[in-house]
Structures are given as C-alpha cells and as structure tokens.
C-alpha cells in the first residue's frame, strides 16, 4: 500500500461550478486553480458526497489494500469555495 496515497481526501471541482465561478469573475479552470493554490494551505467547502464507486479503493472501507489510493470514499463534491489559509502551527 502506498502510505501517502492512502491519506488523500478528494475535493472535486465540477464543470457547473467552474461556469458559475467564471460568471463571478473567478478563474476556476484547472490552470487557474493550480496557479492560485498550488503549494498553499487551503480551506475547501462544498457538499459531502459518498462516492460508492471508490469503496474498494479507499482506506476507510477496505483497509490496508495494495490498490488503495485515497483515505476515504467520502469527498467534497462539488467544491463551492476555496480560500488560502495560514499553515496550522
């Protein structure tokens, strides 16, 4: 099992939210999000969603499996807000 991968929590930016943010003057393209947030600590808000498609590859539902690539089948989907925060001490 890849220790780092099995600690991932997924936050998914959906096409409809990209369009809404574009209307608000925010760049939520993949490149725009990368430029704004890569390497920074962020707070993500959105809807909590159990993605049943990933029950067999999630550490919380199938512990210690070699092919686990995420911590949990739960994810933030869709993301509705992203903001930079200070790194926790």
C-alpha atoms as a PDB file:
ATOM      1  CA  UNK A   1       0.000   0.000   0.000  1.00  0.00           C
ATOM      2  CA  UNK A   2       1.241   3.476  -0.826  1.00  0.00           C
ATOM      3  CA  UNK A   3       1.195   5.282   2.531  1.00  0.00           C
ATOM      4  CA  UNK A   4       0.900   8.789   1.024  1.00  0.00           C
ATOM      5  CA  UNK A   5      -1.830   7.909  -1.475  1.00  0.00           C
ATOM      6  CA  UNK A   6      -3.954   6.221   1.187  1.00  0.00           C
ATOM      7  CA  UNK A   7      -4.141   9.555   3.091  1.00  0.00           C
ATOM      8  CA  UNK A   8      -5.656  11.556   0.226  1.00  0.00           C
ATOM      9  CA  UNK A   9      -9.017  13.260   0.601  1.00  0.00           C
ATOM     10  CA  UNK A  10     -10.705  14.141  -2.684  1.00  0.00           C
ATOM     11  CA  UNK A  11     -12.225  17.554  -3.416  1.00  0.00           C
ATOM     12  CA  UNK A  12     -13.786  17.706  -6.879  1.00  0.00           C
ATOM     13  CA  UNK A  13     -14.363  20.903  -8.847  1.00  0.00           C
ATOM     14  CA  UNK A  14     -17.230  20.230 -11.261  1.00  0.00           C
ATOM     15  CA  UNK A  15     -17.867  21.848 -14.668  1.00  0.00           C
ATOM     16  CA  UNK A  16     -21.064  23.604 -13.470  1.00  0.00           C
ATOM     17  CA  UNK A  17     -19.146  25.243 -10.589  1.00  0.00           C
ATOM     18  CA  UNK A  18     -16.378  26.292 -12.979  1.00  0.00           C
ATOM     19  CA  UNK A  19     -19.048  28.055 -15.069  1.00  0.00           C
ATOM     20  CA  UNK A  20     -20.635  29.719 -12.033  1.00  0.00           C
ATOM     21  CA  UNK A  21     -17.249  30.988 -10.851  1.00  0.00           C
ATOM     22  CA  UNK A  22     -16.440  32.283 -14.327  1.00  0.00           C
ATOM     23  CA  UNK A  23     -19.626  34.380 -14.185  1.00  0.00           C
ATOM     24  CA  UNK A  24     -18.388  35.730 -10.832  1.00  0.00           C
ATOM     25  CA  UNK A  25     -15.064  36.704 -12.401  1.00  0.00           C
ATOM     26  CA  UNK A  26     -13.069  33.881 -10.790  1.00  0.00           C
ATOM     27  CA  UNK A  27     -10.797  31.594 -12.778  1.00  0.00           C
ATOM     28  CA  UNK A  28     -11.599  28.026 -11.770  1.00  0.00           C
ATOM     29  CA  UNK A  29     -10.026  26.378 -14.799  1.00  0.00           C
ATOM     30  CA  UNK A  30      -7.549  23.644 -13.918  1.00  0.00           C
ATOM     31  CA  UNK A  31      -4.679  26.017 -14.749  1.00  0.00           C
ATOM     32  CA  UNK A  32      -6.293  28.889 -12.822  1.00  0.00           C
ATOM     33  CA  UNK A  33      -6.746  26.777  -9.688  1.00  0.00           C
ATOM     34  CA  UNK A  34      -3.199  25.476  -9.951  1.00  0.00           C
ATOM     35  CA  UNK A  35      -1.793  28.986 -10.289  1.00  0.00           C
ATOM     36  CA  UNK A  36      -3.791  30.271  -7.306  1.00  0.00           C
ATOM     37  CA  UNK A  37      -3.437  27.387  -4.866  1.00  0.00           C
ATOM     38  CA  UNK A  38      -0.534  25.044  -5.645  1.00  0.00           C
ATOM     39  CA  UNK A  39       1.794  24.848  -2.649  1.00  0.00           C
ATOM     40  CA  UNK A  40      -0.561  26.756  -0.373  1.00  0.00           C
ATOM     41  CA  UNK A  41      -2.718  25.611   2.535  1.00  0.00           C
ATOM     42  CA  UNK A  42      -6.382  25.922   1.603  1.00  0.00           C
ATOM     43  CA  UNK A  43      -9.812  25.529   3.128  1.00  0.00           C
ATOM     44  CA  UNK A  44     -12.312  23.825   0.832  1.00  0.00           C
ATOM     45  CA  UNK A  45     -16.080  23.966   1.234  1.00  0.00           C
ATOM     46  CA  UNK A  46     -18.755  22.072  -0.610  1.00  0.00           C
ATOM     47  CA  UNK A  47     -21.130  19.163  -0.419  1.00  0.00           C
ATOM     48  CA  UNK A  48     -20.142  15.953   1.341  1.00  0.00           C
ATOM     49  CA  UNK A  49     -20.634  13.058  -1.086  1.00  0.00           C
ATOM     50  CA  UNK A  50     -20.074   9.320  -0.634  1.00  0.00           C
ATOM     51  CA  UNK A  51     -18.646   8.141  -3.945  1.00  0.00           C
ATOM     52  CA  UNK A  52     -19.645   4.472  -3.867  1.00  0.00           C
ATOM     53  CA  UNK A  53     -17.573   3.902  -6.996  1.00  0.00           C
ATOM     54  CA  UNK A  54     -14.464   4.086  -4.794  1.00  0.00           C
ATOM     55  CA  UNK A  55     -15.491   1.891  -1.866  1.00  0.00           C
ATOM     56  CA  UNK A  56     -12.996  -0.798  -2.950  1.00  0.00           C
ATOM     57  CA  UNK A  57     -10.039   1.601  -3.263  1.00  0.00           C
ATOM     58  CA  UNK A  58     -10.460   3.608  -0.065  1.00  0.00           C
ATOM     59  CA  UNK A  59      -8.556   3.077   3.157  1.00  0.00           C
ATOM     60  CA  UNK A  60     -11.615   3.584   5.387  1.00  0.00           C
ATOM     61  CA  UNK A  61     -13.749   0.952   3.649  1.00  0.00           C
ATOM     62  CA  UNK A  62     -11.072  -1.571   2.576  1.00  0.00           C
ATOM     63  CA  UNK A  63      -8.125  -1.045   4.969  1.00  0.00           C
ATOM     64  CA  UNK A  64      -4.546  -1.941   4.029  1.00  0.00           C
ATOM     65  CA  UNK A  65      -5.277  -2.998   0.456  1.00  0.00           C
ATOM     66  CA  UNK A  66      -2.421  -2.598  -2.014  1.00  0.00           C
ATOM     67  CA  UNK A  67      -4.535  -0.642  -4.539  1.00  0.00           C
ATOM     68  CA  UNK A  68      -5.954   1.936  -2.110  1.00  0.00           C
ATOM     69  CA  UNK A  69      -5.283   5.412  -3.489  1.00  0.00           C
ATOM     70  CA  UNK A  70      -7.480   7.523  -1.205  1.00  0.00           C
ATOM     71  CA  UNK A  71      -8.210   7.795   2.505  1.00  0.00           C
ATOM     72  CA  UNK A  72     -11.972   7.601   2.219  1.00  0.00           C
ATOM     73  CA  UNK A  73     -14.797   7.152  -0.268  1.00  0.00           C
ATOM     74  CA  UNK A  74     -16.200  10.425   1.062  1.00  0.00           C
ATOM     75  CA  UNK A  75     -15.296  13.551  -0.891  1.00  0.00           C
ATOM     76  CA  UNK A  76     -16.193  17.202  -1.254  1.00  0.00           C
ATOM     77  CA  UNK A  77     -18.224  17.176  -4.487  1.00  0.00           C
ATOM     78  CA  UNK A  78     -18.888  19.755  -5.726  1.00  0.00           C
ATOM     79  CA  UNK A  79     -16.418  22.223  -4.270  1.00  0.00           C
ATOM     80  CA  UNK A  80     -18.223  25.543  -3.735  1.00  0.00           C
ATOM     81  CA  UNK A  81     -15.462  27.617  -2.129  1.00  0.00           C
ATOM     82  CA  UNK A  82     -11.668  27.574  -1.868  1.00  0.00           C
ATOM     83  CA  UNK A  83      -9.630  30.027   0.170  1.00  0.00           C
ATOM     84  CA  UNK A  84      -5.996  30.267   1.200  1.00  0.00           C
ATOM     85  CA  UNK A  85      -5.411  29.882   4.931  1.00  0.00           C
ATOM     86  CA  UNK A  86      -2.399  30.165   7.216  1.00  0.00           C
ATOM     87  CA  UNK A  87      -0.477  26.970   7.772  1.00  0.00           C
ATOM     88  CA  UNK A  88      -1.536  25.376  11.079  1.00  0.00           C
ATOM     89  CA  UNK A  89       1.099  25.555  13.797  1.00  0.00           C
END
